[in-house]
C-alpha atoms as a PDB file:
ATOM      1  CA  MET A   1       6.389  52.620 -56.991  1.00  0.00           C
ATOM      2  CA  ARG A   2       5.385  51.791 -60.535  1.00  0.00           C
ATOM      3  CA  PHE A   3       2.101  52.500 -62.058  1.00  0.00           C
ATOM      4  CA  ALA A   4       0.452  49.985 -62.742  1.00  0.00           C
ATOM      5  CA  PHE A   5       0.388  49.661 -66.532  1.00  0.00           C
ATOM      6  CA  GLY A   6      -1.438  46.012 -66.722  1.00  0.00           C
ATOM      7  CA  GLU A   7      -4.373  47.422 -64.836  1.00  0.00           C
ATOM      8  CA  ASN A   8      -4.836  49.801 -67.454  1.00  0.00           C
ATOM      9  CA  TRP A   9      -4.478  47.476 -70.016  1.00  0.00           C
ATOM     10  CA  LYS A  10      -6.627  45.636 -68.404  1.00  0.00           C
ATOM     11  CA  SER A  11      -9.354  48.116 -68.255  1.00  0.00           C
ATOM     12  CA  PHE A  12      -8.369  49.117 -72.337  1.00  0.00           C
ATOM     13  CA  LEU A  13      -9.205  45.538 -73.913  1.00  0.00           C
ATOM     14  CA  SER A  14     -12.859  45.958 -72.468  1.00  0.00           C
ATOM     15  CA  THR A  15     -12.333  48.604 -75.239  1.00  0.00           C
ATOM     16  CA  LEU A  16     -10.875  46.294 -77.663  1.00  0.00           C
ATOM     17  CA  CYS A  17     -12.763  46.300 -81.215  1.00  0.00           C
ATOM     18  CA  PRO A  18     -12.269  45.128 -84.957  1.00  0.00           C
ATOM     19  CA  GLU A  19     -11.866  48.896 -85.937  1.00  0.00           C
ATOM     20  CA  ARG A  20      -9.079  49.346 -82.955  1.00  0.00           C
ATOM     21  CA  ILE A  21      -7.616  45.993 -84.133  1.00  0.00           C
ATOM     22  CA  ALA A  22      -7.704  47.539 -87.863  1.00  0.00           C
ATOM     23  CA  SER A  23      -5.887  50.981 -86.917  1.00  0.00           C
ATOM     24  CA  ALA A  24      -3.404  49.352 -85.035  1.00  0.00           C
ATOM     25  CA  GLU A  25      -2.328  47.363 -87.841  1.00  0.00           C
ATOM     26  CA  GLY A  26      -2.431  50.203 -90.454  1.00  0.00           C
ATOM     27  CA  SER A  27      -0.097  52.168 -88.251  1.00  0.00           C
ATOM     28  CA  LEU A  28       2.373  49.134 -88.178  1.00  0.00           C
ATOM     29  CA  LYS A  29       2.466  48.547 -91.978  1.00  0.00           C
ATOM     30  CA  VAL A  30       2.805  53.228 -92.407  1.00  0.00           C
ATOM     31  CA  MET A  31       5.373  52.752 -90.712  1.00  0.00           C
ATOM     32  CA  LEU A  32       7.243  49.265 -91.513  1.00  0.00           C
ATOM     33  CA  GLY A  33       6.755  50.513 -95.324  1.00  0.00           C
ATOM     34  CA  CYS A  34       4.633  47.410 -96.149  1.00  0.00           C
ATOM     35  CA  ASP A  35       1.439  45.174 -96.555  1.00  0.00           C
ATOM     36  CA  THR A  36       2.408  42.138 -94.628  1.00  0.00           C
ATOM     37  CA  LEU A  37       5.120  40.546 -92.203  1.00  0.00           C
ATOM     38  CA  LYS A  38       4.993  37.328 -94.035  1.00  0.00           C
ATOM     39  CA  GLU A  39       8.239  35.466 -93.272  1.00  0.00           C
ATOM     40  CA  ARG A  40       9.479  38.312 -90.627  1.00  0.00           C
ATOM     41  CA  THR A  41      10.167  37.146 -87.088  1.00  0.00           C
ATOM     42  CA  PHE A  42       8.202  39.595 -85.015  1.00  0.00           C
ATOM     43  CA  LEU A  43       9.480  40.815 -81.386  1.00  0.00           C
ATOM     44  CA  ASP A  44       6.489  42.549 -78.770  1.00  0.00           C
ATOM     45  CA  LEU A  45       9.070  44.167 -75.785  1.00  0.00           C
ATOM     46  CA  GLY A  46       6.538  45.320 -72.844  1.00  0.00           C
ATOM     47  CA  CYS A  47       3.712  43.901 -75.098  1.00  0.00           C
ATOM     48  CA  GLY A  48       1.189  45.943 -73.023  1.00  0.00           C
ATOM     49  CA  SER A  49      -2.352  44.879 -73.915  1.00  0.00           C
ATOM     50  CA  GLY A  50      -0.318  42.270 -77.016  1.00  0.00           C
ATOM     51  CA  LEU A  51      -2.426  44.775 -79.640  1.00  0.00           C
ATOM     52  CA  PHE A  52       0.552  45.163 -81.236  1.00  0.00           C
ATOM     53  CA  SER A  53       1.221  41.296 -81.038  1.00  0.00           C
ATOM     54  CA  LEU A  54      -2.327  40.755 -82.570  1.00  0.00           C
ATOM     55  CA  ALA A  55      -1.657  42.688 -84.903  1.00  0.00           C
ATOM     56  CA  ALA A  56       1.301  41.708 -86.160  1.00  0.00           C
ATOM     57  CA  THR A  57      -0.134  37.694 -86.299  1.00  0.00           C
ATOM     58  CA  ARG A  58      -2.924  38.995 -88.492  1.00  0.00           C
ATOM     59  CA  LEU A  59      -0.384  40.824 -90.549  1.00  0.00           C
ATOM     60  CA  SER A  60       1.077  37.147 -91.195  1.00  0.00           C
ATOM     61  CA  ALA A  61       4.609  37.884 -88.868  1.00  0.00           C
ATOM     62  CA  LYS A  62       5.810  33.717 -89.017  1.00  0.00           C
ATOM     63  CA  ARG A  63       6.578  34.317 -85.192  1.00  0.00           C
ATOM     64  CA  VAL A  64       5.673  36.655 -83.061  1.00  0.00           C
ATOM     65  CA  VAL A  65       7.326  36.768 -79.409  1.00  0.00           C
ATOM     66  CA  SER A  66       4.936  38.934 -76.744  1.00  0.00           C
ATOM     67  CA  LEU A  67       7.490  40.254 -73.202  1.00  0.00           C
ATOM     68  CA  ASP A  68       5.644  42.165 -70.428  1.00  0.00           C
ATOM     69  CA  ILE A  69       7.676  42.202 -67.093  1.00  0.00           C
ATOM     70  CA  ASP A  70       3.824  43.564 -65.878  1.00  0.00           C
ATOM     71  CA  PRO A  71       1.770  40.128 -64.590  1.00  0.00           C
ATOM     72  CA  GLU A  72      -1.617  42.071 -65.444  1.00  0.00           C
ATOM     73  CA  SER A  73      -0.091  43.321 -68.895  1.00  0.00           C
ATOM     74  CA  VAL A  74       1.048  39.277 -69.637  1.00  0.00           C
ATOM     75  CA  ALA A  75      -2.176  37.744 -68.612  1.00  0.00           C
ATOM     76  CA  CYS A  76      -3.819  40.760 -71.184  1.00  0.00           C
ATOM     77  CA  ALA A  77      -1.884  39.448 -74.719  1.00  0.00           C
ATOM     78  CA  ARG A  78      -2.196  36.066 -72.956  1.00  0.00           C
ATOM     79  CA  ALA A  79      -6.120  35.986 -72.969  1.00  0.00           C
ATOM     80  CA  LEU A  80      -5.748  38.107 -76.241  1.00  0.00           C
ATOM     81  CA  ARG A  81      -4.192  34.750 -78.267  1.00  0.00           C
ATOM     82  CA  ASP A  82      -5.865  32.421 -76.940  1.00  0.00           C
ATOM     83  CA  GLN A  83      -8.961  34.113 -78.306  1.00  0.00           C
ATOM     84  CA  ALA A  84      -7.183  34.732 -81.721  1.00  0.00           C
ATOM     85  CA  VAL A  85      -7.724  32.588 -84.458  1.00  0.00           C
ATOM     86  CA  LEU A  86      -5.108  30.111 -84.969  1.00  0.00           C
ATOM     87  CA  GLY A  87      -1.911  31.494 -86.611  1.00  0.00           C
ATOM     88  CA  PRO A  88       2.116  31.954 -87.073  1.00  0.00           C
ATOM     89  CA  GLU A  89       3.596  30.598 -83.121  1.00  0.00           C
ATOM     90  CA  TRP A  90       2.879  33.132 -80.401  1.00  0.00           C
ATOM     91  CA  ILE A  91       4.818  32.712 -76.925  1.00  0.00           C
ATOM     92  CA  VAL A  92       4.083  35.365 -74.667  1.00  0.00           C
ATOM     93  CA  GLU A  93       5.812  35.522 -71.446  1.00  0.00           C
ATOM     94  CA  SER A  94       7.100  37.436 -68.128  1.00  0.00           C
ATOM     95  CA  ALA A  95      10.736  39.408 -68.997  1.00  0.00           C
ATOM     96  CA  SER A  96      12.239  42.530 -68.610  1.00  0.00           C
ATOM     97  CA  ALA A  97      13.540  45.133 -71.174  1.00  0.00           C
ATOM     98  CA  LEU A  98      16.423  45.127 -68.894  1.00  0.00           C
ATOM     99  CA  ASP A  99      17.453  41.930 -69.238  1.00  0.00           C
ATOM    100  CA  THR A 100      21.025  41.528 -71.379  1.00  0.00           C
ATOM    101  CA  GLU A 101      20.283  37.997 -71.297  1.00  0.00           C
ATOM    102  CA  LEU A 102      16.987  37.790 -73.502  1.00  0.00           C
ATOM    103  CA  PRO A 103      18.719  37.769 -76.999  1.00  0.00           C
ATOM    104  CA  GLY A 104      20.640  34.935 -75.984  1.00  0.00           C
ATOM    105  CA  LYS A 105      17.170  32.987 -74.951  1.00  0.00           C
ATOM    106  CA  TYR A 106      15.171  34.076 -77.469  1.00  0.00           C
ATOM    107  CA  GLY A 107      17.289  34.750 -80.542  1.00  0.00           C
ATOM    108  CA  THR A 108      16.893  38.173 -82.564  1.00  0.00           C
ATOM    109  CA  PHE A 109      13.927  39.127 -84.688  1.00  0.00           C
ATOM    110  CA  ASP A 110      13.140  40.669 -88.114  1.00  0.00           C
ATOM    111  CA  ILE A 111      11.263  43.572 -86.443  1.00  0.00           C
ATOM    112  CA  VAL A 112      11.681  44.684 -82.358  1.00  0.00           C
ATOM    113  CA  TYR A 113       8.763  46.836 -81.610  1.00  0.00           C
ATOM    114  CA  ALA A 114       8.818  49.285 -78.431  1.00  0.00           C
ATOM    115  CA  TRP A 115       6.018  51.569 -78.551  1.00  0.00           C
ATOM    116  CA  GLY A 116       6.374  53.741 -75.577  1.00  0.00           C
ATOM    117  CA  VAL A 117       8.960  51.029 -73.214  1.00  0.00           C
ATOM    118  CA  LEU A 118      11.718  51.776 -72.618  1.00  0.00           C
ATOM    119  CA  HIS A 119      11.606  55.370 -71.191  1.00  0.00           C
ATOM    120  CA  HIS A 120       9.963  53.552 -67.928  1.00  0.00           C
ATOM    121  CA  THR A 121      11.735  50.636 -66.952  1.00  0.00           C
ATOM    122  CA  GLY A 122      13.951  53.622 -65.415  1.00  0.00           C
ATOM    123  CA  HIS A 123      17.160  53.143 -67.042  1.00  0.00           C
ATOM    124  CA  LEU A 124      16.289  53.832 -70.510  1.00  0.00           C
ATOM    125  CA  TRP A 125      19.425  53.515 -71.682  1.00  0.00           C
ATOM    126  CA  ASP A 126      20.604  50.223 -70.927  1.00  0.00           C
ATOM    127  CA  ALA A 127      16.975  48.960 -72.085  1.00  0.00           C
ATOM    128  CA  ALA A 128      17.939  50.467 -75.306  1.00  0.00           C
ATOM    129  CA  ARG A 129      20.977  48.397 -75.855  1.00  0.00           C
ATOM    130  CA  VAL A 130      18.764  45.397 -74.996  1.00  0.00           C
ATOM    131  CA  ALA A 131      16.122  46.109 -77.792  1.00  0.00           C
ATOM    132  CA  GLY A 132      19.280  47.441 -80.112  1.00  0.00           C
ATOM    133  CA  ASP A 133      21.157  43.451 -79.458  1.00  0.00           C
ATOM    134  CA  MET A 134      17.358  41.464 -79.985  1.00  0.00           C
ATOM    135  CA  VAL A 135      17.028  42.852 -83.823  1.00  0.00           C
ATOM    136  CA  THR A 136      18.703  40.696 -86.399  1.00  0.00           C
ATOM    137  CA  ALA A 137      21.434  42.196 -89.207  1.00  0.00           C
ATOM    138  CA  GLY A 138      19.001  43.936 -91.630  1.00  0.00           C
ATOM    139  CA  GLY A 139      16.335  43.979 -89.107  1.00  0.00           C
ATOM    140  CA  LEU A 140      13.794  46.759 -88.215  1.00  0.00           C
ATOM    141  CA  LEU A 141      13.936  48.310 -84.411  1.00  0.00           C
ATOM    142  CA  TYR A 142      10.430  50.735 -84.289  1.00  0.00           C
ATOM    143  CA  ILE A 143      10.198  52.617 -80.660  1.00  0.00           C
ATOM    144  CA  SER A 144       8.747  55.580 -79.429  1.00  0.00           C
ATOM    145  CA  VAL A 145      10.593  57.415 -76.778  1.00  0.00           C
ATOM    146  CA  TYR A 146       8.397  60.485 -74.694  1.00  0.00           C
ATOM    147  CA  ASN A 147      10.453  63.693 -75.966  1.00  0.00           C
ATOM    148  CA  LEU A 148      12.482  65.535 -74.098  1.00  0.00           C
ATOM    149  CA  GLN A 149      11.474  69.411 -72.202  1.00  0.00           C
ATOM    150  CA  PRO A 150      13.521  70.549 -70.502  1.00  0.00           C
ATOM    151  CA  ARG A 151      11.225  72.849 -68.957  1.00  0.00           C
ATOM    152  CA  TRP A 152       8.514  70.786 -68.476  1.00  0.00           C
ATOM    153  CA  SER A 153       9.923  67.257 -68.085  1.00  0.00           C
ATOM    154  CA  PRO A 154      11.020  67.708 -64.072  1.00  0.00           C
ATOM    155  CA  LEU A 155       7.768  68.885 -63.754  1.00  0.00           C
ATOM    156  CA  TRP A 156       6.274  65.465 -65.262  1.00  0.00           C
ATOM    157  CA  ILE A 157       8.462  63.803 -63.450  1.00  0.00           C
ATOM    158  CA  ARG A 158       7.409  65.439 -59.769  1.00  0.00           C
ATOM    159  CA  ILE A 159       3.768  64.778 -61.038  1.00  0.00           C
ATOM    160  CA  LYS A 160       3.865  61.124 -62.129  1.00  0.00           C
ATOM    161  CA  GLU A 161       5.877  59.789 -58.225  1.00  0.00           C
ATOM    162  CA  ALA A 162       2.880  62.392 -56.820  1.00  0.00           C
ATOM    163  CA  TYR A 163       0.388  59.839 -58.533  1.00  0.00           C
ATOM    164  CA  VAL A 164       2.188  56.956 -58.141  1.00  0.00           C
ATOM    165  CA  ASN A 165       2.736  57.298 -54.244  1.00  0.00           C
ATOM    166  CA  GLY A 166      -0.660  59.018 -53.675  1.00  0.00           C
ATOM    167  CA  GLY A 167      -3.535  57.472 -52.707  1.00  0.00           C
ATOM    168  CA  VAL A 168      -7.267  57.298 -54.338  1.00  0.00           C
ATOM    169  CA  ILE A 169      -8.147  61.136 -53.987  1.00  0.00           C
ATOM    170  CA  THR A 170      -4.605  61.903 -55.079  1.00  0.00           C
ATOM    171  CA  ARG A 171      -4.816  60.085 -57.885  1.00  0.00           C
ATOM    172  CA  GLY A 172      -8.328  61.119 -58.704  1.00  0.00           C
ATOM    173  CA  VAL A 173      -7.685  65.072 -58.059  1.00  0.00           C
ATOM    174  CA  LEU A 174      -4.600  64.315 -60.683  1.00  0.00           C
ATOM    175  CA  LEU A 175      -5.411  62.754 -63.234  1.00  0.00           C
ATOM    176  CA  GLY A 176      -9.321  64.776 -62.993  1.00  0.00           C
ATOM    177  CA  SER A 177      -7.287  68.095 -63.581  1.00  0.00           C
ATOM    178  CA  ILE A 178      -4.616  67.545 -65.501  1.00  0.00           C
ATOM    179  CA  ALA A 179      -6.486  65.701 -67.990  1.00  0.00           C
ATOM    180  CA  GLY A 180      -9.127  68.537 -68.248  1.00  0.00           C
ATOM    181  CA  MET A 181      -6.919  71.141 -68.412  1.00  0.00           C
ATOM    182  CA  PHE A 182      -5.600  70.038 -71.571  1.00  0.00           C
ATOM    183  CA  VAL A 183      -9.110  69.200 -72.575  1.00  0.00           C
ATOM    184  CA  VAL A 184     -10.416  72.726 -72.531  1.00  0.00           C
ATOM    185  CA  ARG A 185      -6.845  73.924 -73.530  1.00  0.00           C
ATOM    186  CA  GLY A 186      -7.443  72.334 -76.707  1.00  0.00           C
ATOM    187  CA  ALA A 187     -11.181  72.371 -77.169  1.00  0.00           C
ATOM    188  CA  SER A 188     -10.238  75.982 -77.050  1.00  0.00           C
ATOM    189  CA  ALA A 189      -7.437  75.930 -79.809  1.00  0.00           C
ATOM    190  CA  ASP A 190     -10.107  73.857 -81.663  1.00  0.00           C
ATOM    191  CA  LEU A 191     -12.871  76.194 -81.763  1.00  0.00           C
ATOM    192  CA  LEU A 192     -10.738  79.108 -82.367  1.00  0.00           C
ATOM    193  CA  ALA A 193      -9.517  77.149 -85.349  1.00  0.00           C
ATOM    194  CA  LEU A 194     -12.917  76.787 -86.145  1.00  0.00           C
ATOM    195  CA  LYS A 195     -12.047  73.199 -86.008  1.00  0.00           C
ATOM    196  CA  ASN A 196     -14.100  69.849 -84.544  1.00  0.00           C
ATOM    197  CA  PRO A 197     -12.535  69.699 -81.305  1.00  0.00           C
ATOM    198  CA  PHE A 198     -14.188  65.898 -80.445  1.00  0.00           C
ATOM    199  CA  LEU A 199     -11.857  65.141 -83.380  1.00  0.00           C
ATOM    200  CA  ARG A 200      -8.683  65.116 -81.810  1.00  0.00           C
ATOM    201  CA  TYR A 201      -9.663  62.599 -79.621  1.00  0.00           C
ATOM    202  CA  ARG A 202     -11.238  60.747 -81.835  1.00  0.00           C
ATOM    203  CA  ARG A 203      -8.068  60.556 -83.891  1.00  0.00           C
ATOM    204  CA  THR A 204      -6.398  59.142 -81.203  1.00  0.00           C
ATOM    205  CA  ALA A 205      -8.614  55.457 -81.642  1.00  0.00           C
ATOM    206  CA  ARG A 206      -7.729  55.749 -85.426  1.00  0.00           C
ATOM    207  CA  ASP A 207      -4.379  56.499 -85.663  1.00  0.00           C
ATOM    208  CA  ARG A 208      -3.133  53.121 -83.177  1.00  0.00           C
ATOM    209  CA  GLY A 209      -6.353  51.711 -82.014  1.00  0.00           C
ATOM    210  CA  MET A 210      -5.533  53.068 -78.902  1.00  0.00           C
ATOM    211  CA  SER A 211      -7.886  55.070 -76.157  1.00  0.00           C
ATOM    212  CA  PHE A 212      -7.937  58.505 -74.729  1.00  0.00           C
ATOM    213  CA  LEU A 213      -8.535  58.092 -71.482  1.00  0.00           C
ATOM    214  CA  HIS A 214      -6.356  55.385 -70.901  1.00  0.00           C
ATOM    215  CA  ASP A 215      -4.039  56.845 -73.387  1.00  0.00           C
ATOM    216  CA  TRP A 216      -4.344  59.536 -70.434  1.00  0.00           C
ATOM    217  CA  ARG A 217      -4.087  57.591 -67.545  1.00  0.00           C
ATOM    218  CA  ASP A 218      -0.806  56.733 -68.420  1.00  0.00           C
ATOM    219  CA  TRP A 219       0.427  59.806 -69.370  1.00  0.00           C
ATOM    220  CA  VAL A 220      -0.144  61.413 -65.506  1.00  0.00           C
ATOM    221  CA  GLY A 221       0.376  58.404 -63.883  1.00  0.00           C
ATOM    222  CA  GLY A 222       2.852  56.752 -66.129  1.00  0.00           C
ATOM    223  CA  TYR A 223       6.234  56.371 -63.995  1.00  0.00           C
ATOM    224  CA  PRO A 224       9.103  55.574 -64.821  1.00  0.00           C
ATOM    225  CA  PHE A 225       9.431  58.550 -66.831  1.00  0.00           C
ATOM    226  CA  GLU A 226      12.350  59.116 -68.005  1.00  0.00           C
ATOM    227  CA  PRO A 227      12.436  61.280 -71.806  1.00  0.00           C
ATOM    228  CA  ALA A 228      15.801  62.312 -74.702  1.00  0.00           C
ATOM    229  CA  ALA A 229      15.787  64.133 -77.356  1.00  0.00           C
ATOM    230  CA  PRO A 230      15.198  62.650 -80.628  1.00  0.00           C
ATOM    231  CA  GLU A 231      19.132  63.740 -80.557  1.00  0.00           C
ATOM    232  CA  GLU A 232      20.166  61.415 -78.175  1.00  0.00           C
ATOM    233  CA  VAL A 233      18.252  58.327 -79.203  1.00  0.00           C
ATOM    234  CA  VAL A 234      19.688  59.161 -82.926  1.00  0.00           C
ATOM    235  CA  THR A 235      23.115  59.219 -81.836  1.00  0.00           C
ATOM    236  CA  PHE A 236      22.809  56.352 -79.399  1.00  0.00           C
ATOM    237  CA  TYR A 237      21.787  53.982 -82.127  1.00  0.00           C
ATOM    238  CA  VAL A 238      23.591  55.333 -85.002  1.00  0.00           C
ATOM    239  CA  GLU A 239      26.952  54.998 -82.597  1.00  0.00           C
ATOM    240  CA  ARG A 240      25.587  51.210 -82.391  1.00  0.00           C
ATOM    241  CA  GLY A 241      25.044  50.385 -85.952  1.00  0.00           C
ATOM    242  CA  PHE A 242      21.930  51.526 -86.927  1.00  0.00           C
ATOM    243  CA  LEU A 243      20.641  53.626 -89.287  1.00  0.00           C
ATOM    244  CA  LEU A 244      17.747  55.924 -89.190  1.00  0.00           C
ATOM    245  CA  ARG A 245      14.895  55.165 -91.872  1.00  0.00           C
ATOM    246  CA  ARG A 246      12.066  57.062 -90.344  1.00  0.00           C
ATOM    247  CA  ILE A 247      11.640  59.788 -87.766  1.00  0.00           C
ATOM    248  CA  ARG A 248       8.338  61.078 -86.739  1.00  0.00           C
ATOM    249  CA  THR A 249       8.150  63.294 -83.760  1.00  0.00           C
ATOM    250  CA  VAL A 250       5.669  65.972 -82.002  1.00  0.00           C
ATOM    251  CA  GLY A 251       7.716  68.834 -82.474  1.00  0.00           C
ATOM    252  CA  GLY A 252       9.165  69.648 -79.406  1.00  0.00           C
ATOM    253  CA  GLY A 253       5.471  69.182 -77.675  1.00  0.00           C
ATOM    254  CA  ARG A 254       4.503  66.550 -75.396  1.00  0.00           C
ATOM    255  CA  GLY A 255       3.860  62.854 -76.240  1.00  0.00           C
ATOM    256  CA  CYS A 256       6.458  60.056 -77.694  1.00  0.00           C
ATOM    257  CA  ASN A 257       8.624  60.787 -81.034  1.00  0.00           C
ATOM    258  CA  GLU A 258       8.695  57.729 -83.046  1.00  0.00           C
ATOM    259  CA  PHE A 259      11.806  55.862 -84.409  1.00  0.00           C
ATOM    260  CA  LEU A 260      12.544  53.209 -87.461  1.00  0.00           C
ATOM    261  CA  PHE A 261      16.073  52.071 -87.403  1.00  0.00           C
ATOM    262  CA  VAL A 262      17.595  48.645 -89.687  1.00  0.00           C
ATOM    263  CA  LYS A 263      20.318  47.409 -88.308  1.00  0.00           C
ATOM    264  CA  ALA A 264      23.407  47.145 -90.853  1.00  0.00           C
ATOM    265  CA  GLY A 265      25.301  43.754 -92.022  1.00  0.00           C
ATOM    266  CA  ASN A 266      22.578  41.529 -94.469  1.00  0.00           C
ATOM    267  CA  GLY A 267      19.326  40.694 -93.341  1.00  0.00           C
END
């Protein structure tokens, strides 16, 4: 059983607006350290809604390839592509991040982007290897992986399994109770710190163009789920000829750690 990622992304697209698209573009520019992707190829591995593929085209990428195993995610990305103003070559196809033949079929890319994807394949390190193989020498790999919490991660795995295996009532109870718990806890902390409790939810859209409600549904139900400690991810790629350029962690908490690697060699 797997979480219906594509169904969630289809719902998310109804919230898409110019501000969210601009936020997605901004997040790419900040992490990649550039204002344009001109003359660079971009792979969106596990493209979900296709938002970041769209962002890459708007940043003038030379070629964009969007891949996802979920049929509804592929449909979402194709819908965005078909609505976009004619720009660079943009290919959207169904493919698994575990397919070791992807590099032979699509070639390598100047930028490989896999945000919140590899840990949902059921085989994190196999997917991580494929993602790395698709980066050209001198190219960039921008990924995020759920942070490992030795105490809490096993519990989250059981909750996510219960969600994907449960019926409508089970899913509603889990989503409502867990989201409610964190909303109350976050609001309480903000109020005690004399902060506006609504700003943390507005920040979600501002940082990456995402939606708080859809992110929560993804978090509660997102299964398979295989978190990793930051040092595990760094060691894995350094041993395979990558250099860590930038890292952004959640400080041991819940959520995704972000990594930007550069593949050794002349690009």
